[in-house]
């Protein structure tokens, strides 16, 4: 955990884009960046450790730490919302619960936006001679947008989709990738493509 405190430079990212509903995708992407940088993002996916009478000191410490981190994540989320959304969620018990509520309000109802994100992924093609770095960053942004809107595309499928967007000059790379049954994530693929 960075322990940078609530007024760290990272909070400026959220301050400049308060969630008002129409900007959910951008807000969520920026929130994920801030929570990951601060070491708080895990409370959106990992449940609070359950302790009982026979729990060890380490288990009790893990629960206390999770609750502290969750409270910080809640504060980041609430502070970066419009007043109306803030008042709706101020008594929501965990950051995870706030996340689910917002997803239900905005992401789950943005089927057209999700379809647009998929359309961008499926129709984008890298022009011959264009920067592979710029192309990869654009594709990664499309995948992230689709994810924020509730889509699930596994890492292997993302790589397969990117390979299909490359121009003919990368046909040897694609052939080697498939014949050698290579496995990469998007960042590794980006490095390999830049080296090609």
C-alpha atoms as a PDB file:
ATOM      1  CA  UNK A   1       0.000   0.000   0.000  1.00  0.00           C
ATOM      2  CA  UNK A   2       1.390   3.383  -0.876  1.00  0.00           C
ATOM      3  CA  UNK A   3      -0.177   5.101   2.115  1.00  0.00           C
ATOM      4  CA  UNK A   4      -0.151   8.306   0.093  1.00  0.00           C
ATOM      5  CA  UNK A   5      -3.216   9.502   1.942  1.00  0.00           C
ATOM      6  CA  UNK A   6      -6.450  10.854   0.610  1.00  0.00           C
ATOM      7  CA  UNK A   7      -4.851  14.008  -0.789  1.00  0.00           C
ATOM      8  CA  UNK A   8      -2.181  12.245  -2.816  1.00  0.00           C
ATOM      9  CA  UNK A   9      -1.525  13.448  -6.371  1.00  0.00           C
ATOM     10  CA  UNK A  10      -3.544  10.471  -7.570  1.00  0.00           C
ATOM     11  CA  UNK A  11      -6.729  11.995  -6.185  1.00  0.00           C
ATOM     12  CA  UNK A  12      -6.446  14.743  -8.781  1.00  0.00           C
ATOM     13  CA  UNK A  13      -7.268  12.092 -11.377  1.00  0.00           C
ATOM     14  CA  UNK A  14     -10.647  11.530  -9.722  1.00  0.00           C
ATOM     15  CA  UNK A  15     -11.238  15.157  -8.722  1.00  0.00           C
ATOM     16  CA  UNK A  16     -11.182  16.250 -12.348  1.00  0.00           C
ATOM     17  CA  UNK A  17     -13.814  13.719 -13.432  1.00  0.00           C
ATOM     18  CA  UNK A  18     -16.547  13.386 -10.830  1.00  0.00           C
ATOM     19  CA  UNK A  19     -19.009  10.645 -11.644  1.00  0.00           C
ATOM     20  CA  UNK A  20     -22.301  12.107 -12.829  1.00  0.00           C
ATOM     21  CA  UNK A  21     -23.621   9.070 -14.695  1.00  0.00           C
ATOM     22  CA  UNK A  22     -22.802  10.036 -18.243  1.00  0.00           C
ATOM     23  CA  UNK A  23     -19.077   9.608 -17.708  1.00  0.00           C
ATOM     24  CA  UNK A  24     -19.163   6.214 -15.969  1.00  0.00           C
ATOM     25  CA  UNK A  25     -16.666   4.469 -18.271  1.00  0.00           C
ATOM     26  CA  UNK A  26     -14.011   7.193 -17.918  1.00  0.00           C
ATOM     27  CA  UNK A  27     -14.631   7.526 -14.180  1.00  0.00           C
ATOM     28  CA  UNK A  28     -14.369   3.768 -13.592  1.00  0.00           C
ATOM     29  CA  UNK A  29     -11.148   3.528 -15.594  1.00  0.00           C
ATOM     30  CA  UNK A  30      -9.618   6.362 -13.561  1.00  0.00           C
ATOM     31  CA  UNK A  31     -10.910   4.920 -10.295  1.00  0.00           C
ATOM     32  CA  UNK A  32      -9.286   1.577 -11.139  1.00  0.00           C
ATOM     33  CA  UNK A  33      -5.976   3.360 -11.766  1.00  0.00           C
ATOM     34  CA  UNK A  34      -6.102   5.209  -8.448  1.00  0.00           C
ATOM     35  CA  UNK A  35      -7.203   2.184  -6.407  1.00  0.00           C
ATOM     36  CA  UNK A  36      -4.542  -0.015  -8.021  1.00  0.00           C
ATOM     37  CA  UNK A  37      -1.822   2.582  -7.423  1.00  0.00           C
ATOM     38  CA  UNK A  38      -2.811   2.943  -3.783  1.00  0.00           C
ATOM     39  CA  UNK A  39      -3.068  -0.837  -3.312  1.00  0.00           C
ATOM     40  CA  UNK A  40      -6.810  -0.676  -2.579  1.00  0.00           C
ATOM     41  CA  UNK A  41      -8.333  -2.256  -5.683  1.00  0.00           C
ATOM     42  CA  UNK A  42      -8.496  -5.773  -4.238  1.00  0.00           C
ATOM     43  CA  UNK A  43     -11.448  -4.876  -2.013  1.00  0.00           C
ATOM     44  CA  UNK A  44     -13.585  -4.654  -5.165  1.00  0.00           C
ATOM     45  CA  UNK A  45     -12.950  -8.344  -5.861  1.00  0.00           C
ATOM     46  CA  UNK A  46     -11.761 -10.068  -2.685  1.00  0.00           C
ATOM     47  CA  UNK A  47     -14.282 -10.562   0.130  1.00  0.00           C
ATOM     48  CA  UNK A  48     -13.511  -9.526   3.684  1.00  0.00           C
ATOM     49  CA  UNK A  49     -11.725 -12.338   5.524  1.00  0.00           C
ATOM     50  CA  UNK A  50     -14.148 -14.169   7.788  1.00  0.00           C
ATOM     51  CA  UNK A  51     -12.969 -14.557  11.345  1.00  0.00           C
ATOM     52  CA  UNK A  52     -14.354 -16.503  14.244  1.00  0.00           C
ATOM     53  CA  UNK A  53     -13.517 -17.417  17.805  1.00  0.00           C
ATOM     54  CA  UNK A  54     -10.704 -19.710  16.701  1.00  0.00           C
ATOM     55  CA  UNK A  55      -9.153 -17.283  14.225  1.00  0.00           C
ATOM     56  CA  UNK A  56      -5.431 -16.616  14.435  1.00  0.00           C
ATOM     57  CA  UNK A  57      -3.911 -13.211  15.083  1.00  0.00           C
ATOM     58  CA  UNK A  58      -2.851 -13.120  11.413  1.00  0.00           C
ATOM     59  CA  UNK A  59      -6.454 -13.739  10.302  1.00  0.00           C
ATOM     60  CA  UNK A  60      -7.708 -11.003  12.643  1.00  0.00           C
ATOM     61  CA  UNK A  61      -5.030  -8.655  11.298  1.00  0.00           C
ATOM     62  CA  UNK A  62      -6.029  -9.512   7.698  1.00  0.00           C
ATOM     63  CA  UNK A  63      -9.656  -8.675   8.494  1.00  0.00           C
ATOM     64  CA  UNK A  64      -8.705  -5.372  10.138  1.00  0.00           C
ATOM     65  CA  UNK A  65      -6.479  -4.426   7.188  1.00  0.00           C
ATOM     66  CA  UNK A  66      -9.197  -5.326   4.658  1.00  0.00           C
ATOM     67  CA  UNK A  67     -11.697  -3.129   6.530  1.00  0.00           C
ATOM     68  CA  UNK A  68      -9.256  -0.193   6.624  1.00  0.00           C
ATOM     69  CA  UNK A  69      -8.497  -0.515   2.921  1.00  0.00           C
ATOM     70  CA  UNK A  70     -12.196  -0.869   2.130  1.00  0.00           C
ATOM     71  CA  UNK A  71     -12.961   2.336   4.007  1.00  0.00           C
ATOM     72  CA  UNK A  72     -10.285   4.196   2.024  1.00  0.00           C
ATOM     73  CA  UNK A  73     -11.636   2.802  -1.260  1.00  0.00           C
ATOM     74  CA  UNK A  74     -15.175   3.874  -0.217  1.00  0.00           C
ATOM     75  CA  UNK A  75     -13.881   7.380   0.534  1.00  0.00           C
ATOM     76  CA  UNK A  76     -12.188   7.638  -2.868  1.00  0.00           C
ATOM     77  CA  UNK A  77     -15.357   6.480  -4.568  1.00  0.00           C
ATOM     78  CA  UNK A  78     -17.713   8.747  -2.640  1.00  0.00           C
ATOM     79  CA  UNK A  79     -15.473  11.801  -2.943  1.00  0.00           C
ATOM     80  CA  UNK A  80     -15.357  11.391  -6.713  1.00  0.00           C
ATOM     81  CA  UNK A  81     -19.148  11.298  -7.247  1.00  0.00           C
ATOM     82  CA  UNK A  82     -21.753  13.956  -7.809  1.00  0.00           C
ATOM     83  CA  UNK A  83     -23.641  15.062  -4.687  1.00  0.00           C
ATOM     84  CA  UNK A  84     -26.717  13.061  -5.724  1.00  0.00           C
ATOM     85  CA  UNK A  85     -24.765   9.818  -6.172  1.00  0.00           C
ATOM     86  CA  UNK A  86     -22.812  10.510  -3.002  1.00  0.00           C
ATOM     87  CA  UNK A  87     -25.947  10.814  -0.897  1.00  0.00           C
ATOM     88  CA  UNK A  88     -27.387   7.657  -2.482  1.00  0.00           C
ATOM     89  CA  UNK A  89     -24.287   5.618  -1.594  1.00  0.00           C
ATOM     90  CA  UNK A  90     -22.989   7.193   1.631  1.00  0.00           C
ATOM     91  CA  UNK A  91     -24.495   4.415   3.777  1.00  0.00           C
ATOM     92  CA  UNK A  92     -23.560   1.585   1.406  1.00  0.00           C
ATOM     93  CA  UNK A  93     -21.441  -0.723   3.572  1.00  0.00           C
ATOM     94  CA  UNK A  94     -18.492  -1.629   1.293  1.00  0.00           C
ATOM     95  CA  UNK A  95     -16.665  -0.385  -1.778  1.00  0.00           C
ATOM     96  CA  UNK A  96     -17.715  -3.607  -3.502  1.00  0.00           C
ATOM     97  CA  UNK A  97     -21.393  -2.846  -2.807  1.00  0.00           C
ATOM     98  CA  UNK A  98     -20.973   0.679  -4.198  1.00  0.00           C
ATOM     99  CA  UNK A  99     -19.273  -0.770  -7.282  1.00  0.00           C
ATOM    100  CA  UNK A 100     -22.122  -3.241  -7.857  1.00  0.00           C
ATOM    101  CA  UNK A 101     -24.726  -0.501  -7.422  1.00  0.00           C
ATOM    102  CA  UNK A 102     -22.996   1.827  -9.890  1.00  0.00           C
ATOM    103  CA  UNK A 103     -22.476  -0.983 -12.384  1.00  0.00           C
ATOM    104  CA  UNK A 104     -26.182  -1.789 -12.155  1.00  0.00           C
ATOM    105  CA  UNK A 105     -27.095   1.863 -12.612  1.00  0.00           C
ATOM    106  CA  UNK A 106     -24.746   2.694 -15.466  1.00  0.00           C
ATOM    107  CA  UNK A 107     -22.673  -0.136 -16.976  1.00  0.00           C
ATOM    108  CA  UNK A 108     -25.294  -2.874 -17.073  1.00  0.00           C
ATOM    109  CA  UNK A 109     -27.682  -0.510 -18.811  1.00  0.00           C
ATOM    110  CA  UNK A 110     -25.207   0.641 -21.394  1.00  0.00           C
ATOM    111  CA  UNK A 111     -25.634  -2.221 -23.819  1.00  0.00           C
ATOM    112  CA  UNK A 112     -25.329   0.153 -26.793  1.00  0.00           C
ATOM    113  CA  UNK A 113     -22.029   1.490 -25.414  1.00  0.00           C
ATOM    114  CA  UNK A 114     -20.760  -2.061 -24.901  1.00  0.00           C
ATOM    115  CA  UNK A 115     -21.795  -2.916 -28.469  1.00  0.00           C
ATOM    116  CA  UNK A 116     -19.880   0.146 -29.693  1.00  0.00           C
ATOM    117  CA  UNK A 117     -16.805  -1.016 -27.784  1.00  0.00           C
ATOM    118  CA  UNK A 118     -17.076  -4.464 -29.401  1.00  0.00           C
ATOM    119  CA  UNK A 119     -17.587  -2.868 -32.807  1.00  0.00           C
ATOM    120  CA  UNK A 120     -14.404  -0.830 -32.322  1.00  0.00           C
ATOM    121  CA  UNK A 121     -12.491  -3.973 -31.345  1.00  0.00           C
ATOM    122  CA  UNK A 122     -13.804  -5.950 -34.329  1.00  0.00           C
ATOM    123  CA  UNK A 123     -13.441  -3.260 -36.990  1.00  0.00           C
ATOM    124  CA  UNK A 124     -10.135  -1.626 -36.055  1.00  0.00           C
ATOM    125  CA  UNK A 125      -7.315  -2.457 -38.423  1.00  0.00           C
ATOM    126  CA  UNK A 126      -3.736  -1.296 -38.244  1.00  0.00           C
ATOM    127  CA  UNK A 127      -2.667   0.465 -41.412  1.00  0.00           C
ATOM    128  CA  UNK A 128       0.479  -0.753 -43.105  1.00  0.00           C
ATOM    129  CA  UNK A 129       3.438   1.253 -41.784  1.00  0.00           C
ATOM    130  CA  UNK A 130       1.522   2.684 -38.800  1.00  0.00           C
ATOM    131  CA  UNK A 131       2.921   2.626 -35.286  1.00  0.00           C
ATOM    132  CA  UNK A 132       2.323  -0.762 -33.669  1.00  0.00           C
ATOM    133  CA  UNK A 133       2.684   0.864 -30.243  1.00  0.00           C
ATOM    134  CA  UNK A 134      -0.143   3.316 -30.933  1.00  0.00           C
ATOM    135  CA  UNK A 135      -2.263   0.526 -32.379  1.00  0.00           C
ATOM    136  CA  UNK A 136      -1.719  -1.704 -29.325  1.00  0.00           C
ATOM    137  CA  UNK A 137      -2.514   1.119 -26.908  1.00  0.00           C
ATOM    138  CA  UNK A 138      -5.728   1.807 -28.813  1.00  0.00           C
ATOM    139  CA  UNK A 139      -6.726  -1.864 -28.690  1.00  0.00           C
ATOM    140  CA  UNK A 140      -5.929  -2.118 -24.976  1.00  0.00           C
ATOM    141  CA  UNK A 141      -8.125   0.947 -24.367  1.00  0.00           C
ATOM    142  CA  UNK A 142     -10.998  -0.698 -26.280  1.00  0.00           C
ATOM    143  CA  UNK A 143     -10.668  -3.891 -24.224  1.00  0.00           C
ATOM    144  CA  UNK A 144     -10.608  -1.871 -20.999  1.00  0.00           C
ATOM    145  CA  UNK A 145     -13.710   0.060 -22.035  1.00  0.00           C
ATOM    146  CA  UNK A 146     -15.547  -3.177 -22.850  1.00  0.00           C
ATOM    147  CA  UNK A 147     -14.497  -4.588 -19.469  1.00  0.00           C
ATOM    148  CA  UNK A 148     -15.744  -1.516 -17.595  1.00  0.00           C
ATOM    149  CA  UNK A 149     -19.055  -1.901 -19.411  1.00  0.00           C
ATOM    150  CA  UNK A 150     -19.397  -5.467 -18.155  1.00  0.00           C
ATOM    151  CA  UNK A 151     -17.884  -7.511 -20.984  1.00  0.00           C
ATOM    152  CA  UNK A 152     -15.611 -10.443 -20.262  1.00  0.00           C
ATOM    153  CA  UNK A 153     -12.957 -11.194 -22.859  1.00  0.00           C
ATOM    154  CA  UNK A 154     -10.254 -13.582 -21.679  1.00  0.00           C
ATOM    155  CA  UNK A 155      -6.585 -12.719 -22.270  1.00  0.00           C
ATOM    156  CA  UNK A 156      -6.076 -15.370 -24.953  1.00  0.00           C
ATOM    157  CA  UNK A 157      -9.055 -14.097 -26.948  1.00  0.00           C
ATOM    158  CA  UNK A 158      -7.787 -10.523 -26.645  1.00  0.00           C
ATOM    159  CA  UNK A 159      -4.460 -11.543 -28.158  1.00  0.00           C
ATOM    160  CA  UNK A 160      -6.231 -13.463 -30.936  1.00  0.00           C
ATOM    161  CA  UNK A 161      -8.383 -10.421 -31.700  1.00  0.00           C
ATOM    162  CA  UNK A 162      -5.354  -8.121 -31.839  1.00  0.00           C
ATOM    163  CA  UNK A 163      -3.507 -10.485 -34.171  1.00  0.00           C
ATOM    164  CA  UNK A 164      -6.449 -10.277 -36.572  1.00  0.00           C
ATOM    165  CA  UNK A 165      -6.154  -6.479 -36.683  1.00  0.00           C
ATOM    166  CA  UNK A 166      -2.564  -6.517 -37.945  1.00  0.00           C
ATOM    167  CA  UNK A 167      -1.636  -5.808 -41.560  1.00  0.00           C
ATOM    168  CA  UNK A 168      -0.188  -8.412 -43.936  1.00  0.00           C
ATOM    169  CA  UNK A 169       3.386  -7.405 -43.065  1.00  0.00           C
ATOM    170  CA  UNK A 170       2.856  -9.227 -39.733  1.00  0.00           C
ATOM    171  CA  UNK A 171       1.742 -12.503 -41.363  1.00  0.00           C
ATOM    172  CA  UNK A 172       5.066 -14.219 -40.559  1.00  0.00           C
ATOM    173  CA  UNK A 173       4.751 -13.135 -36.918  1.00  0.00           C
ATOM    174  CA  UNK A 174       1.202 -14.541 -36.752  1.00  0.00           C
ATOM    175  CA  UNK A 175       2.327 -17.783 -38.402  1.00  0.00           C
ATOM    176  CA  UNK A 176       5.171 -18.198 -35.874  1.00  0.00           C
ATOM    177  CA  UNK A 177       2.835 -17.347 -33.009  1.00  0.00           C
ATOM    178  CA  UNK A 178       0.339 -20.018 -34.039  1.00  0.00           C
ATOM    179  CA  UNK A 179       2.811 -22.726 -35.104  1.00  0.00           C
ATOM    180  CA  UNK A 180       4.833 -22.404 -31.896  1.00  0.00           C
ATOM    181  CA  UNK A 181       1.651 -22.228 -29.793  1.00  0.00           C
ATOM    182  CA  UNK A 182       2.960 -19.162 -28.012  1.00  0.00           C
ATOM    183  CA  UNK A 183       1.072 -17.632 -25.127  1.00  0.00           C
ATOM    184  CA  UNK A 184       1.332 -13.935 -24.302  1.00  0.00           C
ATOM    185  CA  UNK A 185      -0.653 -11.240 -22.632  1.00  0.00           C
ATOM    186  CA  UNK A 186      -1.263  -7.922 -24.395  1.00  0.00           C
ATOM    187  CA  UNK A 187       1.799  -6.209 -22.917  1.00  0.00           C
ATOM    188  CA  UNK A 188       4.067  -9.089 -23.944  1.00  0.00           C
ATOM    189  CA  UNK A 189       2.494  -9.094 -27.394  1.00  0.00           C
ATOM    190  CA  UNK A 190       3.070  -5.347 -27.689  1.00  0.00           C
ATOM    191  CA  UNK A 191       6.779  -5.785 -26.856  1.00  0.00           C
ATOM    192  CA  UNK A 192       7.163  -8.637 -29.335  1.00  0.00           C
ATOM    193  CA  UNK A 193       5.401  -6.716 -32.092  1.00  0.00           C
ATOM    194  CA  UNK A 194       7.574  -3.661 -31.474  1.00  0.00           C
ATOM    195  CA  UNK A 195      10.672  -5.861 -31.763  1.00  0.00           C
ATOM    196  CA  UNK A 196       9.430  -7.371 -35.044  1.00  0.00           C
END
